[in-house]
Amino acid sequence: MALYAELHRHLGGSVVPRILWRYFQRHNPDLADRFPDYSPFEEFYTRPRKTLDEYLELHTLVESVQTQATLPYFLYRLIRGAYVFENLAYLEIRYTPYLRTPDELSQTERIDRMAEIVQTVGQASQLSEYPVVTSQILAMHSRLPYAVNRAIVELAAQMPEYVCAIDVAGGDAHYGERLDEFRELYAYAHRLGLKTTGHLYETRDGCYPELLPYLMRIGHGIQIPLRYPELLPKVAARGQCLEVCPTTYFKTNTLTDIQELKVVFDRCFDAGVDIAICTDNAGLHNVRLPFEYENLLTHNIIDFRQLQACQEAAFRHAFAWPHSKPPAAMLSGLYQPEVQVATASLSHA
């Protein structure tokens, strides 16, 4: 059984449509009335959008039901699916904890509640029957105030048992007026000893070279090989890895032809830049990680040698993979990672 490492998956976008719809029917009468039948809901939830901003609005639908009380319900199903259907050995879950706190509270009260969210996610994602090594990436957000984003950075440093890095999300086109702010926050994160990634160079409007030196990995980054290949030598020299999420670019209308991804992979391989293949929002796409690899192979975007290189890069650039064994040892099936064990608080049925 091949084992994969997934470095870029959003908690909000990780819930597959059947599980989300079933949750509505069982626990949320308002959303159950809005989506009474599954097939129309699946079509609505997974269809391509015209822009990245329109696509990101779907996250608010899931965030509205991902509370501290319900997170174990969703985490159990995420980890179960990752282990059984995707053969994941390692998973980094990224999200903005502030957006899982009650919105009727004050900003200060919501900031104070974020630590409880991180602890809940951490404990609920460690399951003995599905031994996937997990860690969290806490995402600053382009639509949140500076004080909240700074508190997210500080919380990440305070909870290393659960958190491996920070991120910035919310649509890379919206960073422009706040570049100095995000540069300051990333510099602060480095002083605190945090690892860093960030959604950058995903769209044509989200290309900010000023932020690149602060990142250890680049969330998406496809516009670098597509439009700014002169930056690739510096990316390679820094040892940065691109987190490429193929299906996303067609769900957000960022790309229209899959052959554009061949340019991304070819130029990165030629320049010595690592790529980790990821899903981004596996639930919104109704696509699991092994399919992302298979689809790239089927369309001759990569070959099997490059596939293996991307598998190995994902483990090599994982922020919290706790073992020294190389991927080949894991792929042999002879190596079983140790995990901590916790029990989810909601029913596993």
Protein backbone atom coordinates (compact mmCIF):
# COMPACT_ATOMS: atom_id res chain seq x y z
CA MET A 1 0.00 0.00 0.00
CA ALA A 2 1.54 3.29 -1.12
CA LEU A 3 1.58 5.95 1.58
CA TYR A 4 1.22 9.64 0.89
CA ALA A 5 1.91 12.90 2.68
CA GLU A 6 -0.65 15.69 2.22
CA LEU A 7 0.76 19.15 2.91
CA HIS A 8 -2.07 21.44 1.81
CA ARG A 9 -5.60 20.62 2.94
CA HIS A 10 -8.07 23.07 4.40
CA LEU A 11 -10.27 21.94 7.25
CA GLY A 12 -13.23 23.82 5.80
CA GLY A 13 -12.82 22.31 2.35
CA SER A 14 -12.01 18.80 3.56
CA VAL A 15 -15.59 17.66 4.24
CA VAL A 16 -16.81 15.50 1.37
CA PRO A 17 -20.29 16.47 0.13
CA ARG A 18 -22.10 13.33 1.31
CA ILE A 19 -20.87 13.73 4.89
CA LEU A 20 -21.67 17.45 4.95
CA TRP A 21 -25.16 16.93 3.53
CA ARG A 22 -25.84 14.11 5.98
CA TYR A 23 -24.74 16.37 8.85
CA PHE A 24 -27.24 19.00 7.68
CA GLN A 25 -30.04 16.44 7.63
CA ARG A 26 -29.24 15.17 11.13
CA HIS A 27 -28.20 18.29 12.99
CA ASN A 28 -29.07 21.54 11.15
CA PRO A 29 -32.76 21.99 10.20
CA ASP A 30 -32.19 25.31 8.42
CA LEU A 31 -29.54 23.89 6.08
CA ALA A 32 -31.48 20.65 5.73
CA ASP A 33 -34.43 22.69 4.41
CA ARG A 34 -32.12 24.62 2.09
CA PHE A 35 -30.62 21.40 0.70
CA PRO A 36 -33.32 18.71 1.03
CA ASP A 37 -31.93 16.41 -1.68
CA TYR A 38 -28.38 15.18 -2.03
CA SER A 39 -27.78 15.31 -5.78
CA PRO A 40 -28.57 19.04 -6.19
CA PHE A 41 -26.43 19.77 -3.14
CA GLU A 42 -23.46 17.84 -4.55
CA GLU A 43 -23.75 19.70 -7.84
CA PHE A 44 -23.90 23.05 -6.03
CA TYR A 45 -21.03 22.21 -3.68
CA THR A 46 -18.56 20.80 -6.21
CA ARG A 47 -19.22 22.75 -9.41
CA PRO A 48 -16.52 25.09 -10.78
CA ARG A 49 -16.72 28.76 -9.86
CA LYS A 50 -15.92 31.83 -11.96
CA THR A 51 -13.26 33.22 -9.60
CA LEU A 52 -11.19 32.27 -6.58
CA ASP A 53 -13.19 34.69 -4.41
CA GLU A 54 -16.47 33.04 -5.40
CA TYR A 55 -14.95 29.64 -4.70
CA LEU A 56 -13.74 30.71 -1.24
CA GLU A 57 -17.29 31.71 -0.26
CA LEU A 58 -18.04 27.99 0.03
CA HIS A 59 -15.75 27.85 3.05
CA THR A 60 -18.17 30.03 4.97
CA LEU A 61 -20.88 27.39 4.56
CA VAL A 62 -18.71 24.78 6.27
CA GLU A 63 -17.21 27.16 8.83
CA SER A 64 -20.73 27.99 10.02
CA VAL A 65 -21.18 24.41 11.27
CA GLN A 66 -17.58 23.67 12.37
CA THR A 67 -17.83 24.70 16.01
CA GLN A 68 -15.84 23.44 18.97
CA ALA A 69 -18.65 20.98 19.71
CA THR A 70 -18.91 19.62 16.16
CA LEU A 71 -15.26 19.60 15.11
CA PRO A 72 -14.64 16.05 16.44
CA TYR A 73 -17.51 14.83 14.24
CA PHE A 74 -15.86 16.25 11.12
CA LEU A 75 -12.29 15.40 12.13
CA TYR A 76 -13.10 11.75 12.71
CA ARG A 77 -14.54 11.43 9.22
CA LEU A 78 -11.67 13.35 7.68
CA ILE A 79 -9.01 11.13 9.26
CA ARG A 80 -10.98 7.94 8.57
CA GLY A 81 -11.29 8.81 4.88
CA ALA A 82 -7.66 9.92 4.64
CA TYR A 83 -6.47 6.59 6.00
CA VAL A 84 -8.91 4.19 4.36
CA PHE A 85 -9.35 5.77 0.93
CA GLU A 86 -6.21 7.86 0.44
CA ASN A 87 -3.49 5.85 2.18
CA LEU A 88 -2.20 8.96 3.94
CA ALA A 89 0.63 8.52 6.40
CA TYR A 90 0.88 12.24 7.14
CA LEU A 91 -1.59 15.12 6.98
CA GLU A 92 -1.27 18.83 7.69
CA ILE A 93 -4.65 20.43 8.36
CA ARG A 94 -4.83 24.17 7.83
CA TYR A 95 -7.54 26.57 8.94
CA THR A 96 -8.20 29.87 10.70
CA PRO A 97 -9.13 29.10 14.33
CA TYR A 98 -10.79 32.48 14.83
CA LEU A 99 -13.46 31.53 12.26
CA ARG A 100 -14.47 28.50 14.37
CA THR A 101 -15.28 30.62 17.43
CA PRO A 102 -18.80 31.99 18.12
CA ASP A 103 -19.33 35.13 16.05
CA GLU A 104 -21.61 36.68 18.68
CA LEU A 105 -18.60 37.11 21.00
CA SER A 106 -16.34 40.15 21.03
CA GLN A 107 -13.05 40.07 19.14
CA THR A 108 -11.11 39.68 22.39
CA GLU A 109 -13.35 36.84 23.54
CA ARG A 110 -12.99 35.07 20.20
CA ILE A 111 -9.21 35.39 20.34
CA ASP A 112 -9.26 33.88 23.82
CA ARG A 113 -11.29 30.92 22.56
CA MET A 114 -8.91 30.04 19.73
CA ALA A 115 -6.66 27.87 21.91
CA GLU A 116 -9.63 25.63 22.72
CA ILE A 117 -10.29 25.17 19.01
CA VAL A 118 -6.67 24.19 18.34
CA GLN A 119 -6.71 21.70 21.20
CA THR A 120 -10.00 20.21 20.02
CA VAL A 121 -8.71 19.77 16.46
CA GLY A 122 -5.46 18.29 17.74
CA GLN A 123 -7.08 15.75 20.00
CA ALA A 124 -9.87 14.79 17.61
CA SER A 125 -7.45 14.10 14.75
CA GLN A 126 -5.37 11.53 16.69
CA LEU A 127 -7.16 8.20 16.34
CA SER A 128 -5.76 4.79 17.18
CA GLU A 129 -7.78 2.95 14.54
CA TYR A 130 -6.64 5.33 11.78
CA PRO A 131 -2.99 6.09 12.55
CA VAL A 132 -2.31 9.13 10.41
CA VAL A 133 0.34 11.51 11.75
CA THR A 134 -1.30 14.94 11.78
CA SER A 135 -0.39 18.50 12.58
CA GLN A 136 -2.03 21.88 12.15
CA ILE A 137 -1.15 24.96 10.15
CA LEU A 138 -2.86 28.06 11.53
CA ALA A 139 -3.86 30.49 8.81
CA MET A 140 -3.85 34.22 9.13
CA HIS A 141 -6.53 35.70 6.92
CA SER A 142 -6.54 38.60 4.48
CA ARG A 143 -9.98 39.72 5.75
CA LEU A 144 -9.13 39.66 9.46
CA PRO A 145 -7.71 42.57 11.50
CA TYR A 146 -4.03 42.80 12.36
CA ALA A 147 -4.69 42.05 16.03
CA VAL A 148 -6.38 38.76 15.19
CA ASN A 149 -3.65 37.70 12.78
CA ARG A 150 -0.94 38.53 15.32
CA ALA A 151 -2.81 36.50 17.94
CA ILE A 152 -2.88 33.55 15.50
CA VAL A 153 0.89 33.73 15.11
CA GLU A 154 1.39 33.88 18.88
CA LEU A 155 -1.01 30.98 19.44
CA ALA A 156 0.90 28.84 16.94
CA ALA A 157 4.10 29.43 18.92
CA GLN A 158 2.36 28.61 22.21
CA MET A 159 1.00 25.22 21.05
CA PRO A 160 3.84 23.34 19.29
CA GLU A 161 2.36 20.01 20.35
CA TYR A 162 -0.45 20.65 17.85
CA VAL A 163 0.78 23.34 15.44
CA CYS A 164 3.64 23.03 12.96
CA ALA A 165 3.44 26.30 10.98
CA ILE A 166 1.52 29.42 10.01
CA ASP A 167 -0.05 30.43 6.71
CA VAL A 168 -1.88 33.37 5.18
CA ALA A 169 -5.07 32.72 3.26
CA GLY A 170 -8.25 34.44 2.16
CA GLY A 171 -7.41 35.03 -1.49
CA ASP A 172 -3.96 36.18 -2.56
CA ALA A 173 -5.34 39.14 -4.55
CA HIS A 174 -6.26 40.85 -1.26
CA TYR A 175 -2.79 41.10 0.29
CA GLY A 176 -1.61 44.11 -1.69
CA GLU A 177 -2.62 46.93 0.65
CA ARG A 178 -1.36 44.98 3.68
CA LEU A 179 2.00 43.71 2.46
CA ASP A 180 3.97 45.53 5.16
CA GLU A 181 1.66 44.07 7.79
CA PHE A 182 2.11 40.51 6.56
CA ARG A 183 5.86 40.93 6.19
CA GLU A 184 5.98 42.08 9.81
CA LEU A 185 3.89 39.13 10.96
CA TYR A 186 6.03 36.62 9.09
CA ALA A 187 9.20 38.18 10.50
CA TYR A 188 7.62 37.91 13.96
CA ALA A 189 6.81 34.26 13.29
CA HIS A 190 10.43 33.56 12.39
CA ARG A 191 11.59 35.20 15.61
CA LEU A 192 9.23 32.88 17.49
CA GLY A 193 10.78 29.87 15.74
CA LEU A 194 7.73 29.07 13.61
CA LYS A 195 7.76 27.42 10.19
CA THR A 196 5.98 29.23 7.41
CA THR A 197 3.97 28.77 4.27
CA GLY A 198 1.53 31.07 2.51
CA HIS A 199 -0.99 31.24 -0.32
CA LEU A 200 0.96 33.13 -2.95
CA TYR A 201 1.35 33.24 -6.74
CA GLU A 202 -1.84 31.20 -7.07
CA THR A 203 -3.63 33.75 -9.26
CA ARG A 204 -2.39 36.42 -11.63
CA ASP A 205 -3.37 39.06 -9.07
CA GLY A 206 -1.60 37.43 -6.15
CA CYS A 207 2.06 37.74 -7.10
CA TYR A 208 4.05 39.49 -4.36
CA PRO A 209 7.81 38.84 -4.49
CA GLU A 210 8.16 40.82 -1.25
CA LEU A 211 6.68 37.91 0.71
CA LEU A 212 8.65 35.10 -0.90
CA PRO A 213 11.76 35.34 1.33
CA TYR A 214 9.63 34.77 4.43
CA LEU A 215 8.20 31.44 3.28
CA MET A 216 9.65 27.96 3.72
CA ARG A 217 6.98 26.53 1.39
CA ILE A 218 4.78 28.32 -1.14
CA GLY A 219 1.07 27.55 -1.16
CA HIS A 220 0.31 26.96 -4.85
CA GLY A 221 2.96 29.21 -6.44
CA ILE A 222 2.03 28.13 -9.97
CA GLN A 223 2.33 31.62 -11.42
CA ILE A 224 6.07 31.55 -10.69
CA PRO A 225 6.90 28.92 -13.33
CA LEU A 226 4.07 30.08 -15.60
CA ARG A 227 4.71 33.86 -15.62
CA TYR A 228 7.86 34.56 -13.61
CA PRO A 229 10.26 31.68 -14.33
CA GLU A 230 13.19 34.01 -13.64
CA LEU A 231 12.32 33.63 -9.94
CA LEU A 232 12.80 29.85 -9.96
CA PRO A 233 16.58 29.89 -9.27
CA LYS A 234 15.99 31.88 -6.07
CA VAL A 235 13.14 29.57 -5.06
CA ALA A 236 15.46 26.61 -5.57
CA ALA A 237 18.30 28.28 -3.66
CA ARG A 238 16.01 28.86 -0.67
CA GLY A 239 14.91 25.22 -0.76
CA GLN A 240 11.27 26.25 -1.07
CA CYS A 241 8.69 23.71 -2.16
CA LEU A 242 5.56 24.52 -4.17
CA GLU A 243 2.32 23.06 -2.82
CA VAL A 244 0.57 22.41 -6.15
CA CYS A 245 -3.14 21.52 -5.96
CA PRO A 246 -4.12 20.59 -9.53
CA THR A 247 -7.92 20.36 -9.34
CA THR A 248 -8.23 23.70 -7.56
CA TYR A 249 -7.09 25.71 -10.57
CA PHE A 250 -9.95 24.43 -12.70
CA LYS A 251 -12.52 24.88 -9.92
CA THR A 252 -11.49 28.54 -9.54
CA ASN A 253 -11.06 29.35 -13.25
CA THR A 254 -7.41 30.10 -12.61
CA LEU A 255 -6.40 27.69 -15.40
CA THR A 256 -8.47 26.39 -18.29
CA ASP A 257 -6.18 23.76 -19.84
CA ILE A 258 -4.50 21.01 -17.85
CA GLN A 259 -1.50 21.18 -20.18
CA GLU A 260 -0.59 24.45 -18.47
CA LEU A 261 0.36 22.32 -15.48
CA LYS A 262 2.94 20.52 -17.60
CA VAL A 263 4.74 23.85 -17.93
CA VAL A 264 4.62 24.22 -14.14
CA PHE A 265 6.11 20.78 -13.49
CA ASP A 266 8.66 20.85 -16.31
CA ARG A 267 10.07 24.25 -15.40
CA CYS A 268 10.22 23.39 -11.70
CA PHE A 269 11.99 20.08 -12.30
CA ASP A 270 14.44 21.77 -14.67
CA ALA A 271 15.19 24.45 -12.06
CA GLY A 272 15.51 22.01 -9.16
CA VAL A 273 12.38 23.27 -7.39
CA ASP A 274 10.46 20.64 -5.43
CA ILE A 275 6.72 20.16 -5.85
CA ALA A 276 4.39 18.49 -3.37
CA ILE A 277 1.11 17.43 -4.99
CA CYS A 278 -1.85 18.28 -2.76
CA THR A 279 -5.65 18.44 -2.79
CA ASP A 280 -6.30 21.84 -1.17
CA ASN A 281 -10.04 21.23 -0.67
CA ALA A 282 -10.68 17.56 -1.27
CA GLY A 283 -14.31 17.84 -0.19
CA LEU A 284 -15.18 20.77 -2.43
CA HIS A 285 -13.62 18.88 -5.32
CA ASN A 286 -14.88 15.43 -4.34
CA VAL A 287 -11.35 14.31 -5.30
CA ARG A 288 -8.86 12.44 -3.14
CA LEU A 289 -5.07 12.72 -3.24
CA PRO A 290 -4.27 9.50 -5.18
CA PHE A 291 -6.53 10.74 -7.98
CA GLU A 292 -4.54 13.98 -8.23
CA TYR A 293 -1.43 11.87 -8.95
CA GLU A 294 -3.30 9.56 -11.33
CA ASN A 295 -4.87 12.44 -13.25
CA LEU A 296 -1.49 14.07 -13.81
CA LEU A 297 -0.12 10.76 -15.09
CA THR A 298 -3.11 10.13 -17.33
CA HIS A 299 -2.72 13.51 -19.02
CA ASN A 300 1.05 13.09 -19.38
CA ILE A 301 1.77 16.04 -17.13
CA ILE A 302 4.27 13.95 -15.14
CA ASP A 303 5.80 10.51 -15.52
CA PHE A 304 6.25 7.84 -12.86
CA ARG A 305 9.76 9.01 -12.00
CA GLN A 306 8.45 12.51 -11.38
CA LEU A 307 5.51 11.10 -9.44
CA GLN A 308 7.90 9.41 -7.04
CA ALA A 309 9.95 12.60 -6.78
CA CYS A 310 6.82 14.51 -5.76
CA GLN A 311 5.88 11.83 -3.20
CA GLU A 312 9.33 12.05 -1.66
CA ALA A 313 9.31 15.85 -1.72
CA ALA A 314 6.07 15.88 0.25
CA PHE A 315 7.66 13.90 3.10
CA ARG A 316 10.93 15.81 2.89
CA HIS A 317 9.17 19.19 3.21
CA ALA A 318 6.60 18.07 5.79
CA PHE A 319 6.79 20.43 8.75
CA ALA A 320 6.09 17.82 11.42
CA TRP A 321 6.92 14.39 9.98
CA PRO A 322 8.59 13.00 13.10
CA HIS A 323 10.63 10.14 11.70
CA SER A 324 14.00 9.79 10.05
CA LYS A 325 12.95 6.89 7.85
CA PRO A 326 12.97 7.72 4.12
CA PRO A 327 9.78 7.35 2.06
CA ALA A 328 11.06 4.11 0.53
CA ALA A 329 10.91 2.47 3.96
CA MET A 330 7.31 3.57 4.40
CA LEU A 331 6.30 2.50 0.93
CA SER A 332 7.58 -0.98 1.69
CA GLY A 333 4.83 -1.42 4.26
CA LEU A 334 7.42 -2.40 6.88
CA TYR A 335 7.36 0.88 8.76
CA GLN A 336 4.48 1.97 10.97
CA PRO A 337 4.60 5.52 12.39
CA GLU A 338 3.83 6.04 16.05
CA VAL A 339 0.90 8.28 16.85
CA GLN A 340 -0.69 9.70 19.94
CA VAL A 341 -4.16 8.45 20.72
CA ALA A 342 -7.24 10.46 21.59
CA THR A 343 -10.94 9.77 21.37
CA ALA A 344 -13.34 12.03 19.50
CA SER A 345 -16.16 13.32 21.65
CA LEU A 346 -19.01 12.87 19.17
CA SER A 347 -20.50 9.67 17.82
CA HIS A 348 -18.42 7.88 15.19
CA ALA A 349 -21.47 6.38 13.56
